[in-house]
Amino acid sequence: MQADASGAAWGSLVTGLASCATLPLAVYLTRFSDSYDLLHAGFAIPVAAGLALVALALARRASIRTRVSLSGGGRRVATAGRVLGVIGLCLAASALVALGVYGLLEYVGSRE
């Protein structure tokens, strides 16, 4: 049971890191493409949010399993995965707000 909790903890850490890296990587890659603009990086928002939710779910699973097994293995890794999942979710939410503000400004600017 400890190996399963440790695997879930490490999975939450990896997916949390991926969720935090998705949006900056998408923005960075638009600099090298002629066909994609910065606005197209918004397609990575659901990917980052999905990875963050998976990280939070895996961290919860690892936390429950380490409590049941009474072993401390993986508890810190699960906590780090949970923190990274929350950060990834906040990054996705802020990118969504920025995209919404951009759309609103485009709409207001086109009416004048």
PDB file of N, CA and C in Angstrom:
ATOM      1  N   MET A   1       0.821  -1.191   0.000  1.00  0.00           N
ATOM      2  CA  MET A   1       0.000   0.000   0.000  1.00  0.00           C
ATOM      3  C   MET A   1       0.863   1.251   0.000  1.00  0.00           C
ATOM      4  N   GLN A   2       2.035   1.167   0.615  1.00  0.00           N
ATOM      5  CA  GLN A   2       2.917   2.325   0.656  1.00  0.00           C
ATOM      6  C   GLN A   2       3.452   2.658  -0.730  1.00  0.00           C
ATOM      7  N   ALA A   3       3.700   1.645  -1.552  1.00  0.00           N
ATOM      8  CA  ALA A   3       4.195   1.902  -2.904  1.00  0.00           C
ATOM      9  C   ALA A   3       3.145   2.625  -3.736  1.00  0.00           C
ATOM     10  N   ASP A   4       1.872   2.300  -3.529  1.00  0.00           N
ATOM     11  CA  ASP A   4       0.805   2.972  -4.255  1.00  0.00           C
ATOM     12  C   ASP A   4       0.687   4.430  -3.817  1.00  0.00           C
ATOM     13  N   ALA A   5       0.808   4.680  -2.517  1.00  0.00           N
ATOM     14  CA  ALA A   5       0.743   6.049  -2.007  1.00  0.00           C
ATOM     15  C   ALA A   5       1.929   6.853  -2.505  1.00  0.00           C
ATOM     16  N   SER A   6       3.098   6.228  -2.531  1.00  0.00           N
ATOM     17  CA  SER A   6       4.284   6.918  -3.021  1.00  0.00           C
ATOM     18  C   SER A   6       4.170   7.203  -4.518  1.00  0.00           C
ATOM     19  N   GLY A   7       3.590   6.275  -5.274  1.00  0.00           N
ATOM     20  CA  GLY A   7       3.399   6.492  -6.705  1.00  0.00           C
ATOM     21  C   GLY A   7       2.421   7.616  -6.975  1.00  0.00           C
ATOM     22  N   ALA A   8       1.353   7.678  -6.188  1.00  0.00           N
ATOM     23  CA  ALA A   8       0.386   8.767  -6.342  1.00  0.00           C
ATOM     24  C   ALA A   8       1.005  10.099  -5.955  1.00  0.00           C
ATOM     25  N   ALA A   9       1.863  10.080  -4.932  1.00  0.00           N
ATOM     26  CA  ALA A   9       2.522  11.315  -4.505  1.00  0.00           C
ATOM     27  C   ALA A   9       3.457  11.831  -5.593  1.00  0.00           C
ATOM     28  N   TRP A  10       4.251  10.931  -6.149  1.00  0.00           N
ATOM     29  CA  TRP A  10       5.165  11.344  -7.222  1.00  0.00           C
ATOM     30  C   TRP A  10       4.403  11.730  -8.481  1.00  0.00           C
ATOM     31  N   GLY A  11       3.292  11.065  -8.736  1.00  0.00           N
ATOM     32  CA  GLY A  11       2.453  11.443  -9.869  1.00  0.00           C
ATOM     33  C   GLY A  11       1.875  12.835  -9.698  1.00  0.00           C
ATOM     34  N   SER A  12       1.478  13.171  -8.469  1.00  0.00           N
ATOM     35  CA  SER A  12       0.953  14.517  -8.221  1.00  0.00           C
ATOM     36  C   SER A  12       2.044  15.561  -8.384  1.00  0.00           C
ATOM     37  N   LEU A  13       3.256  15.235  -7.993  1.00  0.00           N
ATOM     38  CA  LEU A  13       4.362  16.176  -8.162  1.00  0.00           C
ATOM     39  C   LEU A  13       4.661  16.415  -9.640  1.00  0.00           C
ATOM     40  N   VAL A  14       4.692  15.349 -10.410  1.00  0.00           N
ATOM     41  CA  VAL A  14       5.003  15.474 -11.839  1.00  0.00           C
ATOM     42  C   VAL A  14       3.895  16.220 -12.583  1.00  0.00           C
ATOM     43  N   THR A  15       2.642  15.877 -12.315  1.00  0.00           N
ATOM     44  CA  THR A  15       1.554  16.575 -13.001  1.00  0.00           C
ATOM     45  C   THR A  15       1.416  18.010 -12.512  1.00  0.00           C
ATOM     46  N   GLY A  16       1.754  18.274 -11.255  1.00  0.00           N
ATOM     47  CA  GLY A  16       1.762  19.644 -10.757  1.00  0.00           C
ATOM     48  C   GLY A  16       2.820  20.484 -11.447  1.00  0.00           C
ATOM     49  N   LEU A  17       4.001  19.905 -11.625  1.00  0.00           N
ATOM     50  CA  LEU A  17       5.053  20.604 -12.373  1.00  0.00           C
ATOM     51  C   LEU A  17       4.640  20.843 -13.820  1.00  0.00           C
ATOM     52  N   ALA A  18       4.006  19.859 -14.415  1.00  0.00           N
ATOM     53  CA  ALA A  18       3.557  20.011 -15.806  1.00  0.00           C
ATOM     54  C   ALA A  18       2.490  21.087 -15.925  1.00  0.00           C
ATOM     55  N   SER A  19       1.596  21.171 -14.940  1.00  0.00           N
ATOM     56  CA  SER A  19       0.552  22.197 -15.000  1.00  0.00           C
ATOM     57  C   SER A  19       1.137  23.594 -14.844  1.00  0.00           C
ATOM     58  N   CYS A  20       2.174  23.716 -14.026  1.00  0.00           N
ATOM     59  CA  CYS A  20       2.821  25.026 -13.861  1.00  0.00           C
ATOM     60  C   CYS A  20       3.653  25.415 -15.077  1.00  0.00           C
ATOM     61  N   ALA A  21       4.139  24.442 -15.810  1.00  0.00           N
ATOM     62  CA  ALA A  21       5.000  24.730 -16.955  1.00  0.00           C
ATOM     63  C   ALA A  21       4.242  24.863 -18.268  1.00  0.00           C
ATOM     64  N   THR A  22       2.998  24.441 -18.316  1.00  0.00           N
ATOM     65  CA  THR A  22       2.253  24.412 -19.577  1.00  0.00           C
ATOM     66  C   THR A  22       2.070  25.790 -20.187  1.00  0.00           C
ATOM     67  N   LEU A  23       1.552  26.733 -19.430  1.00  0.00           N
ATOM     68  CA  LEU A  23       1.272  28.060 -19.980  1.00  0.00           C
ATOM     69  C   LEU A  23       2.535  28.846 -20.324  1.00  0.00           C
ATOM     70  N   PRO A  24       3.539  28.897 -19.445  1.00  0.00           N
ATOM     71  CA  PRO A  24       4.759  29.596 -19.861  1.00  0.00           C
ATOM     72  C   PRO A  24       5.418  28.974 -21.090  1.00  0.00           C
ATOM     73  N   LEU A  25       5.352  27.655 -21.193  1.00  0.00           N
ATOM     74  CA  LEU A  25       5.917  26.991 -22.364  1.00  0.00           C
ATOM     75  C   LEU A  25       5.124  27.318 -23.624  1.00  0.00           C
ATOM     76  N   ALA A  26       3.803  27.374 -23.522  1.00  0.00           N
ATOM     77  CA  ALA A  26       2.970  27.722 -24.676  1.00  0.00           C
ATOM     78  C   ALA A  26       3.248  29.151 -25.132  1.00  0.00           C
ATOM     79  N   VAL A  27       3.405  30.065 -24.181  1.00  0.00           N
ATOM     80  CA  VAL A  27       3.721  31.455 -24.533  1.00  0.00           C
ATOM     81  C   VAL A  27       5.098  31.537 -25.166  1.00  0.00           C
ATOM     82  N   TYR A  28       6.057  30.803 -24.622  1.00  0.00           N
ATOM     83  CA  TYR A  28       7.418  30.820 -25.152  1.00  0.00           C
ATOM     84  C   TYR A  28       7.478  30.261 -26.573  1.00  0.00           C
ATOM     85  N   LEU A  29       6.717  29.212 -26.829  1.00  0.00           N
ATOM     86  CA  LEU A  29       6.755  28.591 -28.150  1.00  0.00           C
ATOM     87  C   LEU A  29       6.107  29.458 -29.229  1.00  0.00           C
ATOM     88  N   THR A  30       5.232  30.377 -28.846  1.00  0.00           N
ATOM     89  CA  THR A  30       4.633  31.263 -29.852  1.00  0.00           C
ATOM     90  C   THR A  30       5.643  32.245 -30.413  1.00  0.00           C
ATOM     91  N   ARG A  31       6.739  32.454 -29.734  1.00  0.00           N
ATOM     92  CA  ARG A  31       7.764  33.374 -30.224  1.00  0.00           C
ATOM     93  C   ARG A  31       8.506  32.819 -31.433  1.00  0.00           C
ATOM     94  N   PHE A  32       8.489  31.514 -31.593  1.00  0.00           N
ATOM     95  CA  PHE A  32       9.258  30.881 -32.667  1.00  0.00           C
ATOM     96  C   PHE A  32       8.394  30.420 -33.830  1.00  0.00           C
ATOM     97  N   SER A  33       7.130  30.735 -33.801  1.00  0.00           N
ATOM     98  CA  SER A  33       6.225  30.281 -34.850  1.00  0.00           C
ATOM     99  C   SER A  33       5.686  31.479 -35.610  1.00  0.00           C
ATOM    100  N   ASP A  34       5.618  31.328 -36.923  1.00  0.00           N
ATOM    101  CA  ASP A  34       5.058  32.384 -37.762  1.00  0.00           C
ATOM    102  C   ASP A  34       3.539  32.270 -37.858  1.00  0.00           C
ATOM    103  N   SER A  35       3.008  31.088 -37.645  1.00  0.00           N
ATOM    104  CA  SER A  35       1.567  30.898 -37.819  1.00  0.00           C
ATOM    105  C   SER A  35       0.774  31.017 -36.515  1.00  0.00           C
ATOM    106  N   TYR A  36       1.446  30.999 -35.355  1.00  0.00           N
ATOM    107  CA  TYR A  36       0.752  31.093 -34.074  1.00  0.00           C
ATOM    108  C   TYR A  36       1.102  32.403 -33.383  1.00  0.00           C
ATOM    109  N   ASP A  37       0.067  33.096 -32.906  1.00  0.00           N
ATOM    110  CA  ASP A  37       0.262  34.331 -32.158  1.00  0.00           C
ATOM    111  C   ASP A  37       0.176  34.041 -30.668  1.00  0.00           C
ATOM    112  N   LEU A  38       0.402  35.079 -29.895  1.00  0.00           N
ATOM    113  CA  LEU A  38       0.322  34.941 -28.453  1.00  0.00           C
ATOM    114  C   LEU A  38      -1.086  34.556 -28.008  1.00  0.00           C
ATOM    115  N   LEU A  39      -2.068  35.016 -28.741  1.00  0.00           N
ATOM    116  CA  LEU A  39      -3.449  34.693 -28.417  1.00  0.00           C
ATOM    117  C   LEU A  39      -3.732  33.194 -28.534  1.00  0.00           C
ATOM    118  N   HIS A  40      -3.024  32.522 -29.422  1.00  0.00           N
ATOM    119  CA  HIS A  40      -3.213  31.081 -29.598  1.00  0.00           C
ATOM    120  C   HIS A  40      -2.696  30.270 -28.405  1.00  0.00           C
ATOM    121  N   ALA A  41      -1.874  30.878 -27.571  1.00  0.00           N
ATOM    122  CA  ALA A  41      -1.398  30.186 -26.369  1.00  0.00           C
ATOM    123  C   ALA A  41      -2.544  29.949 -25.389  1.00  0.00           C
ATOM    124  N   GLY A  42      -3.670  30.614 -25.600  1.00  0.00           N
ATOM    125  CA  GLY A  42      -4.833  30.412 -24.746  1.00  0.00           C
ATOM    126  C   GLY A  42      -5.415  29.016 -24.852  1.00  0.00           C
ATOM    127  N   PHE A  43      -5.084  28.299 -25.926  1.00  0.00           N
ATOM    128  CA  PHE A  43      -5.566  26.921 -26.049  1.00  0.00           C
ATOM    129  C   PHE A  43      -4.916  25.997 -25.023  1.00  0.00           C
ATOM    130  N   ALA A  44      -3.855  26.454 -24.382  1.00  0.00           N
ATOM    131  CA  ALA A  44      -3.188  25.644 -23.359  1.00  0.00           C
ATOM    132  C   ALA A  44      -3.830  25.810 -21.984  1.00  0.00           C
ATOM    133  N   ILE A  45      -4.771  26.740 -21.848  1.00  0.00           N
ATOM    134  CA  ILE A  45      -5.407  26.974 -20.543  1.00  0.00           C
ATOM    135  C   ILE A  45      -6.150  25.729 -20.039  1.00  0.00           C
ATOM    136  N   PRO A  46      -6.994  25.082 -20.863  1.00  0.00           N
ATOM    137  CA  PRO A  46      -7.661  23.870 -20.353  1.00  0.00           C
ATOM    138  C   PRO A  46      -6.695  22.734 -20.036  1.00  0.00           C
ATOM    139  N   VAL A  47      -5.602  22.665 -20.769  1.00  0.00           N
ATOM    140  CA  VAL A  47      -4.605  21.618 -20.498  1.00  0.00           C
ATOM    141  C   VAL A  47      -3.978  21.853 -19.130  1.00  0.00           C
ATOM    142  N   ALA A  48      -3.598  23.104 -18.857  1.00  0.00           N
ATOM    143  CA  ALA A  48      -2.993  23.424 -17.561  1.00  0.00           C
ATOM    144  C   ALA A  48      -3.978  23.194 -16.424  1.00  0.00           C
ATOM    145  N   ALA A  49      -5.232  23.577 -16.618  1.00  0.00           N
ATOM    146  CA  ALA A  49      -6.237  23.375 -15.574  1.00  0.00           C
ATOM    147  C   ALA A  49      -6.491  21.885 -15.341  1.00  0.00           C
ATOM    148  N   GLY A  50      -6.555  21.122 -16.413  1.00  0.00           N
ATOM    149  CA  GLY A  50      -6.759  19.677 -16.275  1.00  0.00           C
ATOM    150  C   GLY A  50      -5.613  18.994 -15.544  1.00  0.00           C
ATOM    151  N   LEU A  51      -4.395  19.363 -15.892  1.00  0.00           N
ATOM    152  CA  LEU A  51      -3.231  18.793 -15.202  1.00  0.00           C
ATOM    153  C   LEU A  51      -3.212  19.184 -13.730  1.00  0.00           C
ATOM    154  N   ALA A  52      -3.615  20.406 -13.437  1.00  0.00           N
ATOM    155  CA  ALA A  52      -3.668  20.852 -12.040  1.00  0.00           C
ATOM    156  C   ALA A  52      -4.705  20.057 -11.249  1.00  0.00           C
ATOM    157  N   LEU A  53      -5.855  19.815 -11.847  1.00  0.00           N
ATOM    158  CA  LEU A  53      -6.882  19.032 -11.158  1.00  0.00           C
ATOM    159  C   LEU A  53      -6.438  17.588 -10.935  1.00  0.00           C
ATOM    160  N   VAL A  54      -5.728  17.028 -11.904  1.00  0.00           N
ATOM    161  CA  VAL A  54      -5.192  15.665 -11.727  1.00  0.00           C
ATOM    162  C   VAL A  54      -4.157  15.650 -10.604  1.00  0.00           C
ATOM    163  N   ALA A  55      -3.315  16.683 -10.546  1.00  0.00           N
ATOM    164  CA  ALA A  55      -2.320  16.768  -9.475  1.00  0.00           C
ATOM    165  C   ALA A  55      -2.987  16.850  -8.105  1.00  0.00           C
ATOM    166  N   LEU A  56      -4.049  17.633  -8.016  1.00  0.00           N
ATOM    167  CA  LEU A  56      -4.762  17.739  -6.739  1.00  0.00           C
ATOM    168  C   LEU A  56      -5.426  16.418  -6.351  1.00  0.00           C
ATOM    169  N   ALA A  57      -5.995  15.726  -7.329  1.00  0.00           N
ATOM    170  CA  ALA A  57      -6.634  14.435  -7.045  1.00  0.00           C
ATOM    171  C   ALA A  57      -5.606  13.390  -6.609  1.00  0.00           C
ATOM    172  N   LEU A  58      -4.457  13.350  -7.285  1.00  0.00           N
ATOM    173  CA  LEU A  58      -3.416  12.395  -6.904  1.00  0.00           C
ATOM    174  C   LEU A  58      -2.828  12.719  -5.536  1.00  0.00           C
ATOM    175  N   ALA A  59      -2.672  14.003  -5.237  1.00  0.00           N
ATOM    176  CA  ALA A  59      -2.154  14.388  -3.923  1.00  0.00           C
ATOM    177  C   ALA A  59      -3.137  13.988  -2.826  1.00  0.00           C
ATOM    178  N   ARG A  60      -4.421  14.139  -3.108  1.00  0.00           N
ATOM    179  CA  ARG A  60      -5.438  13.727  -2.130  1.00  0.00           C
ATOM    180  C   ARG A  60      -5.396  12.216  -1.925  1.00  0.00           C
ATOM    181  N   ARG A  61      -5.279  11.473  -3.007  1.00  0.00           N
ATOM    182  CA  ARG A  61      -5.211  10.010  -2.893  1.00  0.00           C
ATOM    183  C   ARG A  61      -3.986   9.583  -2.093  1.00  0.00           C
ATOM    184  N   ALA A  62      -2.840  10.207  -2.379  1.00  0.00           N
ATOM    185  CA  ALA A  62      -1.618   9.855  -1.656  1.00  0.00           C
ATOM    186  C   ALA A  62      -1.729  10.233  -0.185  1.00  0.00           C
ATOM    187  N   SER A  63      -2.345  11.361   0.103  1.00  0.00           N
ATOM    188  CA  SER A  63      -2.507  11.791   1.492  1.00  0.00           C
ATOM    189  C   SER A  63      -3.399  10.825   2.266  1.00  0.00           C
ATOM    190  N   ILE A  64      -4.477  10.401   1.655  1.00  0.00           N
ATOM    191  CA  ILE A  64      -5.385   9.445   2.317  1.00  0.00           C
ATOM    192  C   ILE A  64      -4.688   8.107   2.538  1.00  0.00           C
ATOM    193  N   ARG A  65      -3.964   7.657   1.533  1.00  0.00           N
ATOM    194  CA  ARG A  65      -3.313   6.339   1.660  1.00  0.00           C
ATOM    195  C   ARG A  65      -2.176   6.363   2.669  1.00  0.00           C
ATOM    196  N   THR A  66      -1.464   7.487   2.790  1.00  0.00           N
ATOM    197  CA  THR A  66      -0.396   7.528   3.799  1.00  0.00           C
ATOM    198  C   THR A  66      -0.983   7.620   5.197  1.00  0.00           C
ATOM    199  N   ARG A  67      -2.152   8.247   5.350  1.00  0.00           N
ATOM    200  CA  ARG A  67      -2.808   8.277   6.655  1.00  0.00           C
ATOM    201  C   ARG A  67      -3.293   6.898   7.064  1.00  0.00           C
ATOM    202  N   VAL A  68      -3.815   6.150   6.108  1.00  0.00           N
ATOM    203  CA  VAL A  68      -4.332   4.816   6.404  1.00  0.00           C
ATOM    204  C   VAL A  68      -3.195   3.864   6.739  1.00  0.00           C
ATOM    205  N   SER A  69      -2.081   3.984   6.038  1.00  0.00           N
ATOM    206  CA  SER A  69      -0.979   3.050   6.248  1.00  0.00           C
ATOM    207  C   SER A  69      -0.081   3.454   7.408  1.00  0.00           C
ATOM    208  N   LEU A  70      -0.284   4.648   7.971  1.00  0.00           N
ATOM    209  CA  LEU A  70       0.500   5.152   9.097  1.00  0.00           C
ATOM    210  C   LEU A  70       1.986   5.249   8.808  1.00  0.00           C
ATOM    211  N   SER A  71       2.333   5.389   7.559  1.00  0.00           N
ATOM    212  CA  SER A  71       3.734   5.599   7.205  1.00  0.00           C
ATOM    213  C   SER A  71       3.885   7.020   6.673  1.00  0.00           C
ATOM    214  N   GLY A  72       5.000   7.612   6.921  1.00  0.00           N
ATOM    215  CA  GLY A  72       5.219   8.994   6.495  1.00  0.00           C
ATOM    216  C   GLY A  72       5.737   9.115   5.079  1.00  0.00           C
ATOM    217  N   GLY A  73       5.948   7.992   4.395  1.00  0.00           N
ATOM    218  CA  GLY A  73       6.524   8.031   3.063  1.00  0.00           C
ATOM    219  C   GLY A  73       5.614   8.671   2.042  1.00  0.00           C
ATOM    220  N   GLY A  74       6.082   9.699   1.397  1.00  0.00           N
ATOM    221  CA  GLY A  74       5.325  10.341   0.340  1.00  0.00           C
ATOM    222  C   GLY A  74       4.482  11.515   0.784  1.00  0.00           C
ATOM    223  N   ARG A  75       4.443  11.782   2.084  1.00  0.00           N
ATOM    224  CA  ARG A  75       3.593  12.874   2.574  1.00  0.00           C
ATOM    225  C   ARG A  75       4.116  14.229   2.100  1.00  0.00           C
ATOM    226  N   ARG A  76       5.418  14.444   2.162  1.00  0.00           N
ATOM    227  CA  ARG A  76       5.986  15.720   1.717  1.00  0.00           C
ATOM    228  C   ARG A  76       5.889  15.875   0.206  1.00  0.00           C
ATOM    229  N   VAL A  77       6.068  14.789  -0.501  1.00  0.00           N
ATOM    230  CA  VAL A  77       5.964  14.840  -1.958  1.00  0.00           C
ATOM    231  C   VAL A  77       4.524  15.138  -2.363  1.00  0.00           C
ATOM    232  N   ALA A  78       3.571  14.552  -1.666  1.00  0.00           N
ATOM    233  CA  ALA A  78       2.161  14.815  -1.945  1.00  0.00           C
ATOM    234  C   ALA A  78       1.807  16.264  -1.639  1.00  0.00           C
ATOM    235  N   THR A  79       2.374  16.812  -0.571  1.00  0.00           N
ATOM    236  CA  THR A  79       2.137  18.217  -0.241  1.00  0.00           C
ATOM    237  C   THR A  79       2.708  19.125  -1.312  1.00  0.00           C
ATOM    238  N   ALA A  80       3.895  18.804  -1.795  1.00  0.00           N
ATOM    239  CA  ALA A  80       4.491  19.594  -2.878  1.00  0.00           C
ATOM    240  C   ALA A  80       3.644  19.492  -4.149  1.00  0.00           C
ATOM    241  N   GLY A  81       3.131  18.308  -4.439  1.00  0.00           N
ATOM    242  CA  GLY A  81       2.253  18.140  -5.594  1.00  0.00           C
ATOM    243  C   GLY A  81       0.972  18.930  -5.446  1.00  0.00           C
ATOM    244  N   ARG A  82       0.422  18.981  -4.230  1.00  0.00           N
ATOM    245  CA  ARG A  82      -0.793  19.759  -3.983  1.00  0.00           C
ATOM    246  C   ARG A  82      -0.520  21.247  -4.172  1.00  0.00           C
ATOM    247  N   VAL A  83       0.601  21.730  -3.664  1.00  0.00           N
ATOM    248  CA  VAL A  83       0.953  23.147  -3.813  1.00  0.00           C
ATOM    249  C   VAL A  83       1.143  23.498  -5.288  1.00  0.00           C
ATOM    250  N   LEU A  84       1.842  22.652  -6.019  1.00  0.00           N
ATOM    251  CA  LEU A  84       2.046  22.906  -7.442  1.00  0.00           C
ATOM    252  C   LEU A  84       0.733  22.824  -8.211  1.00  0.00           C
ATOM    253  N   GLY A  85      -0.159  21.936  -7.799  1.00  0.00           N
ATOM    254  CA  GLY A  85      -1.468  21.860  -8.436  1.00  0.00           C
ATOM    255  C   GLY A  85      -2.279  23.130  -8.221  1.00  0.00           C
ATOM    256  N   VAL A  86      -2.230  23.677  -7.016  1.00  0.00           N
ATOM    257  CA  VAL A  86      -2.937  24.926  -6.734  1.00  0.00           C
ATOM    258  C   VAL A  86      -2.325  26.075  -7.527  1.00  0.00           C
ATOM    259  N   ILE A  87      -1.001  26.114  -7.603  1.00  0.00           N
ATOM    260  CA  ILE A  87      -0.331  27.156  -8.393  1.00  0.00           C
ATOM    261  C   ILE A  87      -0.704  27.027  -9.870  1.00  0.00           C
ATOM    262  N   GLY A  88      -0.727  25.809 -10.393  1.00  0.00           N
ATOM    263  CA  GLY A  88      -1.122  25.601 -11.782  1.00  0.00           C
ATOM    264  C   GLY A  88      -2.549  26.021 -12.043  1.00  0.00           C
ATOM    265  N   LEU A  89      -3.442  25.750 -11.089  1.00  0.00           N
ATOM    266  CA  LEU A  89      -4.835  26.169 -11.220  1.00  0.00           C
ATOM    267  C   LEU A  89      -4.956  27.692 -11.179  1.00  0.00           C
ATOM    268  N   CYS A  90      -4.175  28.329 -10.332  1.00  0.00           N
ATOM    269  CA  CYS A  90      -4.177  29.802 -10.266  1.00  0.00           C
ATOM    270  C   CYS A  90      -3.619  30.406 -11.556  1.00  0.00           C
ATOM    271  N   LEU A  91      -2.582  29.799 -12.119  1.00  0.00           N
ATOM    272  CA  LEU A  91      -2.043  30.283 -13.389  1.00  0.00           C
ATOM    273  C   LEU A  91      -3.077  30.164 -14.509  1.00  0.00           C
ATOM    274  N   ALA A  92      -3.791  29.050 -14.538  1.00  0.00           N
ATOM    275  CA  ALA A  92      -4.817  28.862 -15.568  1.00  0.00           C
ATOM    276  C   ALA A  92      -5.953  29.865 -15.381  1.00  0.00           C
ATOM    277  N   ALA A  93      -6.347  30.113 -14.139  1.00  0.00           N
ATOM    278  CA  ALA A  93      -7.420  31.078 -13.881  1.00  0.00           C
ATOM    279  C   ALA A  93      -6.999  32.487 -14.258  1.00  0.00           C
ATOM    280  N   SER A  94      -5.765  32.864 -13.938  1.00  0.00           N
ATOM    281  CA  SER A  94      -5.308  34.209 -14.295  1.00  0.00           C
ATOM    282  C   SER A  94      -5.162  34.364 -15.799  1.00  0.00           C
ATOM    283  N   ALA A  95      -4.741  33.307 -16.489  1.00  0.00           N
ATOM    284  CA  ALA A  95      -4.659  33.367 -17.949  1.00  0.00           C
ATOM    285  C   ALA A  95      -6.049  33.478 -18.557  1.00  0.00           C
ATOM    286  N   LEU A  96      -7.020  32.811 -17.970  1.00  0.00           N
ATOM    287  CA  LEU A  96      -8.393  32.909 -18.459  1.00  0.00           C
ATOM    288  C   LEU A  96      -8.952  34.319 -18.258  1.00  0.00           C
ATOM    289  N   VAL A  97      -8.650  34.922 -17.112  1.00  0.00           N
ATOM    290  CA  VAL A  97      -9.084  36.293 -16.870  1.00  0.00           C
ATOM    291  C   VAL A  97      -8.405  37.247 -17.855  1.00  0.00           C
ATOM    292  N   ALA A  98      -7.107  37.060 -18.090  1.00  0.00           N
ATOM    293  CA  ALA A  98      -6.396  37.917 -19.035  1.00  0.00           C
ATOM    294  C   ALA A  98      -6.974  37.782 -20.439  1.00  0.00           C
ATOM    295  N   LEU A  99      -7.307  36.578 -20.828  1.00  0.00           N
ATOM    296  CA  LEU A  99      -7.908  36.358 -22.143  1.00  0.00           C
ATOM    297  C   LEU A  99      -9.288  37.000 -22.227  1.00  0.00           C
ATOM    298  N   GLY A 100     -10.052  36.936 -21.149  1.00  0.00           N
ATOM    299  CA  GLY A 100     -11.358  37.570 -21.112  1.00  0.00           C
ATOM    300  C   GLY A 100     -11.272  39.091 -21.183  1.00  0.00           C
ATOM    301  N   VAL A 101     -10.312  39.672 -20.475  1.00  0.00           N
ATOM    302  CA  VAL A 101     -10.123  41.119 -20.531  1.00  0.00           C
ATOM    303  C   VAL A 101      -9.689  41.544 -21.926  1.00  0.00           C
ATOM    304  N   TYR A 102      -8.808  40.768 -22.543  1.00  0.00           N
ATOM    305  CA  TYR A 102      -8.388  41.072 -23.910  1.00  0.00           C
ATOM    306  C   TYR A 102      -9.589  41.036 -24.866  1.00  0.00           C
ATOM    307  N   GLY A 103     -10.423  40.038 -24.730  1.00  0.00           N
ATOM    308  CA  GLY A 103     -11.607  39.941 -25.580  1.00  0.00           C
ATOM    309  C   GLY A 103     -12.567  41.101 -25.355  1.00  0.00           C
ATOM    310  N   LEU A 104     -12.737  41.496 -24.103  1.00  0.00           N
ATOM    311  CA  LEU A 104     -13.601  42.632 -23.795  1.00  0.00           C
ATOM    312  C   LEU A 104     -13.048  43.922 -24.378  1.00  0.00           C
ATOM    313  N   LEU A 105     -11.748  44.130 -24.265  1.00  0.00           N
ATOM    314  CA  LEU A 105     -11.139  45.335 -24.827  1.00  0.00           C
ATOM    315  C   LEU A 105     -11.219  45.344 -26.353  1.00  0.00           C
ATOM    316  N   GLU A 106     -11.062  44.190 -26.961  1.00  0.00           N
ATOM    317  CA  GLU A 106     -11.214  44.104 -28.420  1.00  0.00           C
ATOM    318  C   GLU A 106     -12.638  44.446 -28.839  1.00  0.00           C
ATOM    319  N   TYR A 107     -13.588  43.953 -28.075  1.00  0.00           N
ATOM    320  CA  TYR A 107     -15.001  44.216 -28.385  1.00  0.00           C
ATOM    321  C   TYR A 107     -15.323  45.712 -28.240  1.00  0.00           C
ATOM    322  N   VAL A 108     -14.891  46.295 -27.135  1.00  0.00           N
ATOM    323  CA  VAL A 108     -15.165  47.719 -26.901  1.00  0.00           C
ATOM    324  C   VAL A 108     -14.434  48.575 -27.920  1.00  0.00           C
ATOM    325  N   GLY A 109     -13.218  48.203 -28.266  1.00  0.00           N
ATOM    326  CA  GLY A 109     -12.442  48.965 -29.236  1.00  0.00           C
ATOM    327  C   GLY A 109     -13.009  48.876 -30.638  1.00  0.00           C
ATOM    328  N   SER A 110     -13.665  47.784 -30.974  1.00  0.00           N
ATOM    329  CA  SER A 110     -14.197  47.622 -32.324  1.00  0.00           C
ATOM    330  C   SER A 110     -15.524  48.366 -32.504  1.00  0.00           C
ATOM    331  N   ARG A 111     -16.161  48.749 -31.433  1.00  0.00           N
ATOM    332  CA  ARG A 111     -17.453  49.426 -31.515  1.00  0.00           C
ATOM    333  C   ARG A 111     -17.308  50.916 -31.778  1.00  0.00           C
ATOM    334  N   GLU A 112     -16.135  51.468 -31.556  1.00  0.00           N
ATOM    335  CA  GLU A 112     -15.956  52.915 -31.743  1.00  0.00           C
ATOM    336  C   GLU A 112     -15.505  53.275 -33.127  1.00  0.00           C
TER     337      GLU A 112
END
